[in-house]
Protein backbone atom coordinates (compact mmCIF):
# COMPACT_ATOMS: atom_id res chain seq x y z
CA MET A 1 -1.12 28.15 -3.90
CA PRO A 2 1.61 26.89 -6.09
CA ARG A 3 1.05 25.00 -9.44
CA LEU A 4 3.37 22.92 -10.63
CA THR A 5 5.76 23.56 -14.56
CA THR A 6 5.43 20.98 -16.63
CA GLN A 7 9.05 19.98 -15.91
CA GLN A 8 8.28 19.88 -12.34
CA LEU A 9 5.42 17.37 -13.65
CA GLU A 10 7.54 15.21 -15.43
CA GLN A 11 10.18 15.00 -12.37
CA HIS A 12 7.66 13.90 -10.17
CA ARG A 13 5.73 11.50 -12.37
CA ALA A 14 8.88 9.77 -13.51
CA ALA A 15 9.51 9.48 -9.47
CA PHE A 16 6.55 7.65 -9.21
CA GLU A 17 7.76 5.14 -11.61
CA LYS A 18 10.55 3.86 -9.82
CA TRP A 19 9.48 1.12 -6.96
CA GLU A 20 9.39 2.09 -3.55
CA SER A 21 7.67 1.55 -0.06
CA PRO A 22 3.86 1.37 -0.15
CA GLN A 23 4.73 4.52 2.48
CA ASP A 24 7.59 6.42 0.57
CA LEU A 25 5.34 6.95 -2.43
CA LEU A 26 2.02 8.06 -0.19
CA ASP A 27 4.19 10.40 1.68
CA LYS A 28 5.38 11.80 -1.60
CA ALA A 29 1.53 11.59 -3.27
CA ASP A 30 0.95 13.36 0.25
CA GLY A 31 3.29 16.10 -0.58
CA ILE A 32 2.54 16.61 -3.86
CA MET A 33 -1.40 17.49 -2.45
CA ASP A 34 -0.39 19.14 0.55
CA TYR A 35 2.41 21.29 -1.62
CA MET A 36 -0.56 22.84 -3.83
CA GLY A 37 -3.85 22.39 -1.64
CA SER A 38 -6.92 21.11 -2.58
CA GLU A 39 -8.11 23.82 -5.32
CA ASP A 40 -4.60 23.86 -7.46
CA CYS A 41 -4.33 20.15 -7.18
CA PHE A 42 -7.97 19.39 -8.65
CA ASN A 43 -8.09 22.06 -11.05
CA GLN A 44 -4.36 21.98 -12.62
CA PRO A 45 -4.17 19.44 -15.33
CA GLY A 46 -1.87 16.85 -15.80
CA LEU A 47 -2.26 15.32 -11.56
CA ALA A 48 -4.27 12.62 -12.38
CA PHE A 49 -1.42 10.40 -11.31
CA VAL A 50 -0.93 11.92 -8.30
CA ARG A 51 -4.71 10.71 -7.31
CA GLU A 52 -3.27 7.13 -9.20
CA ALA A 53 -0.27 6.93 -6.77
CA TRP A 54 -1.43 7.88 -3.87
CA ALA A 55 -5.08 5.13 -4.63
CA ALA A 56 -1.81 2.52 -5.37
CA SER A 57 0.37 3.07 -2.27
CA LYS A 58 -2.77 2.84 -0.28
CA PHE A 59 -3.79 -0.39 -1.55
CA GLY A 60 0.18 -1.27 -1.32
CA LEU A 61 -0.37 -0.65 2.45
CA GLU A 62 -3.65 -2.26 2.21
CA ARG A 63 -2.31 -5.31 0.42
CA ASN A 64 1.03 -5.43 3.48
CA VAL A 65 3.09 -5.81 -0.19
CA GLU A 66 6.89 -4.71 -0.52
CA THR A 67 7.00 -2.15 -3.48
CA VAL A 68 4.99 -0.49 -6.10
CA ARG A 69 5.04 1.91 -8.64
CA LEU A 70 3.46 3.77 -11.78
CA VAL A 71 3.37 2.07 -15.15
CA HIS A 72 4.50 4.71 -18.34
CA GLY A 73 2.77 4.42 -20.90
CA GLU A 74 -1.72 3.48 -21.50
CA PHE A 75 -1.05 -0.07 -19.37
CA PRO A 76 -1.10 -1.05 -16.55
CA ASP A 77 -1.33 1.91 -14.18
CA PHE A 78 0.49 0.18 -11.23
CA GLU A 79 2.23 -2.33 -10.20
CA LEU A 80 2.50 -3.83 -6.98
CA ARG A 81 5.70 -6.18 -6.15
CA ILE A 82 5.67 -8.95 -3.72
CA GLY A 83 8.40 -11.03 -3.10
CA ALA A 84 9.57 -12.49 -6.71
CA ARG A 85 6.73 -11.76 -8.04
CA SER A 86 4.92 -8.40 -9.39
CA GLU A 87 1.20 -7.26 -9.90
CA GLN A 88 0.07 -5.64 -12.84
CA TRP A 89 -3.09 -3.08 -11.86
CA GLU A 90 -5.36 -0.90 -13.44
CA PHE A 91 -6.91 2.07 -11.55
CA THR A 92 -10.48 3.78 -11.47
CA GLU A 93 -12.40 5.84 -9.25
CA ALA A 94 -16.14 5.84 -8.89
CA ASP A 95 -17.50 8.78 -7.65
CA ILE A 96 -20.45 11.01 -7.94
CA GLY A 97 -22.06 11.55 -11.82
CA GLU A 98 -21.12 14.99 -12.59
CA ARG A 99 -19.41 15.76 -9.80
CA ARG A 100 -16.17 18.13 -10.77
CA ARG A 101 -14.43 17.82 -7.39
CA GLY A 102 -11.76 21.26 -9.12
CA LEU A 103 -15.22 23.39 -9.59
CA GLU A 104 -16.01 22.36 -6.57
CA TYR A 105 -12.53 24.09 -5.18
CA ARG A 106 -12.84 26.99 -6.90
CA ARG A 107 -16.13 27.96 -6.52
CA ARG A 108 -15.78 27.20 -2.23
CA GLU A 109 -18.91 24.79 -2.53
CA TYR A 110 -17.37 22.08 -1.09
CA ARG A 111 -19.04 20.90 2.40
CA GLY A 112 -17.42 17.92 3.85
CA GLY A 113 -21.41 17.08 4.94
CA ASN A 114 -22.83 17.65 1.62
CA TYR A 115 -21.56 14.29 0.03
CA LEU A 116 -23.90 12.63 3.22
CA ASP A 117 -26.90 11.90 0.57
CA HIS A 118 -24.73 10.42 -2.01
CA ILE A 119 -23.85 7.29 -0.63
CA ASP A 120 -26.82 5.91 -2.11
CA GLN A 121 -25.48 6.51 -5.78
CA ALA A 122 -22.31 4.68 -5.11
CA PRO A 123 -23.43 1.14 -6.63
CA ASN A 124 -24.05 2.79 -9.76
CA ALA A 125 -20.83 4.93 -9.97
CA ILE A 126 -18.91 1.49 -8.94
CA ARG A 127 -20.69 0.24 -12.21
CA ARG A 128 -20.57 2.84 -14.60
CA ALA A 129 -16.60 2.59 -13.48
CA CYS A 130 -16.36 -1.12 -13.86
CA GLU A 131 -18.43 -1.33 -16.89
CA SER A 132 -15.92 1.49 -19.23
CA LYS A 133 -12.66 -0.26 -17.85
CA ALA A 134 -14.40 -3.61 -18.95
CA GLY A 135 -15.08 -2.10 -22.17
CA LYS A 136 -11.67 -1.24 -23.09
CA HIS A 137 -10.86 -5.29 -23.30
CA TYR A 138 -7.63 -5.47 -21.00
CA THR A 139 -5.55 -8.92 -20.55
CA LYS A 140 -7.52 -10.73 -18.39
CA LYS A 141 -3.48 -11.26 -16.21
CA VAL A 142 -4.59 -7.37 -14.69
CA GLY A 143 -6.48 -6.28 -11.94
CA LEU A 144 -8.34 -3.52 -11.39
CA LEU A 145 -8.86 -0.84 -8.82
CA VAL A 146 -11.74 0.51 -8.22
CA LEU A 147 -11.19 3.71 -5.75
CA LEU A 148 -14.96 4.42 -4.21
CA ASN A 149 -14.60 8.06 -3.68
CA ILE A 150 -18.03 8.80 -2.44
CA PRO A 151 -17.44 9.66 1.22
CA SER A 152 -20.19 7.48 4.15
CA PHE A 153 -19.20 9.52 7.13
CA GLY A 154 -19.53 6.48 8.86
CA ALA A 155 -23.67 6.06 7.53
CA ARG A 156 -24.40 3.33 5.97
CA GLN A 157 -21.47 1.56 5.78
CA GLU A 158 -22.64 -2.19 5.32
CA GLU A 159 -24.89 -1.44 2.62
CA THR A 160 -22.29 -0.21 0.56
CA MET A 161 -20.28 -2.65 1.25
CA ALA A 162 -22.90 -5.20 0.34
CA SER A 163 -23.43 -3.64 -2.85
CA PHE A 164 -19.85 -4.36 -4.42
CA PRO A 165 -20.03 -7.59 -5.58
CA ASP A 166 -23.28 -6.80 -8.13
CA SER A 167 -21.82 -2.95 -8.93
CA THR A 168 -18.45 -4.44 -10.20
CA ALA A 169 -19.99 -7.58 -11.63
CA PRO A 170 -19.52 -5.84 -15.00
CA ALA A 171 -15.43 -6.42 -14.46
CA LYS A 172 -15.44 -10.03 -12.35
CA ASP A 173 -14.61 -11.47 -15.75
CA ALA A 174 -12.32 -8.55 -17.70
CA PHE A 175 -9.70 -8.82 -14.94
CA SER A 176 -8.01 -11.50 -13.07
CA GLU A 177 -8.88 -9.34 -9.63
CA VAL A 178 -11.66 -6.64 -8.55
CA TRP A 179 -10.70 -4.80 -5.37
CA VAL A 180 -12.53 -1.38 -4.31
CA LEU A 181 -10.75 0.88 -1.80
CA TRP A 182 -13.11 2.81 0.20
CA ASN A 183 -12.20 5.06 3.47
CA ASN A 184 -8.96 3.47 3.58
CA ARG A 185 -9.99 -0.22 4.01
CA ALA A 186 -9.01 -2.09 0.16
CA TYR A 187 -11.87 -4.77 -0.24
CA PRO A 188 -11.26 -8.18 -2.75
CA VAL A 189 -14.43 -8.63 -4.52
CA TRP A 190 -13.52 -10.84 -7.78
CA ASN A 191 -10.64 -13.59 -7.86
CA ALA A 192 -10.71 -15.12 -11.44
CA GLY A 193 -14.29 -14.26 -11.65
CA GLN A 194 -15.45 -15.91 -8.57
CA ARG A 195 -16.55 -13.66 -5.55
CA ALA A 196 -13.35 -13.38 -3.15
CA GLY A 197 -13.75 -14.93 0.36
């Protein structure tokens, strides 16, 4: 499958930094992933921004925002626009401790059902990701989106969702809001240090 040149990476990154509807941004991210295929997409360095764009657009669709874009530089990762108001967001991914997707695809070890048993690791994975982000001491005006990348295939859904408040607690006072994106749904967990609800 094709790999992207440095110039193509820069062009795609620049395109993701323009305000787009969430669906248009999602289509661009999906287009790159489909063009490359899983093995190259997870093994080529410099493609983390595609995953960020995918998550930001999914989050934007769930929140019914007008436009979304990635932000160049270290902070924030992306912005959402709702009317005249813009929100800044940091992104992190929670996954199985030592999982290496690129190696899975390179060795052809990935089997969709293999991670069913790993859903028990979701709370610890989320906690680690939140602790790492909170430890960077961002301004409290920015929100945090946690992409939980452990599929459940329908098992233990309620138990996993019930774990979100405790597992995201390390980030609740470090960010304006904390949300978890899981199985194509966005779950509000904390708002201004209080349980969202």
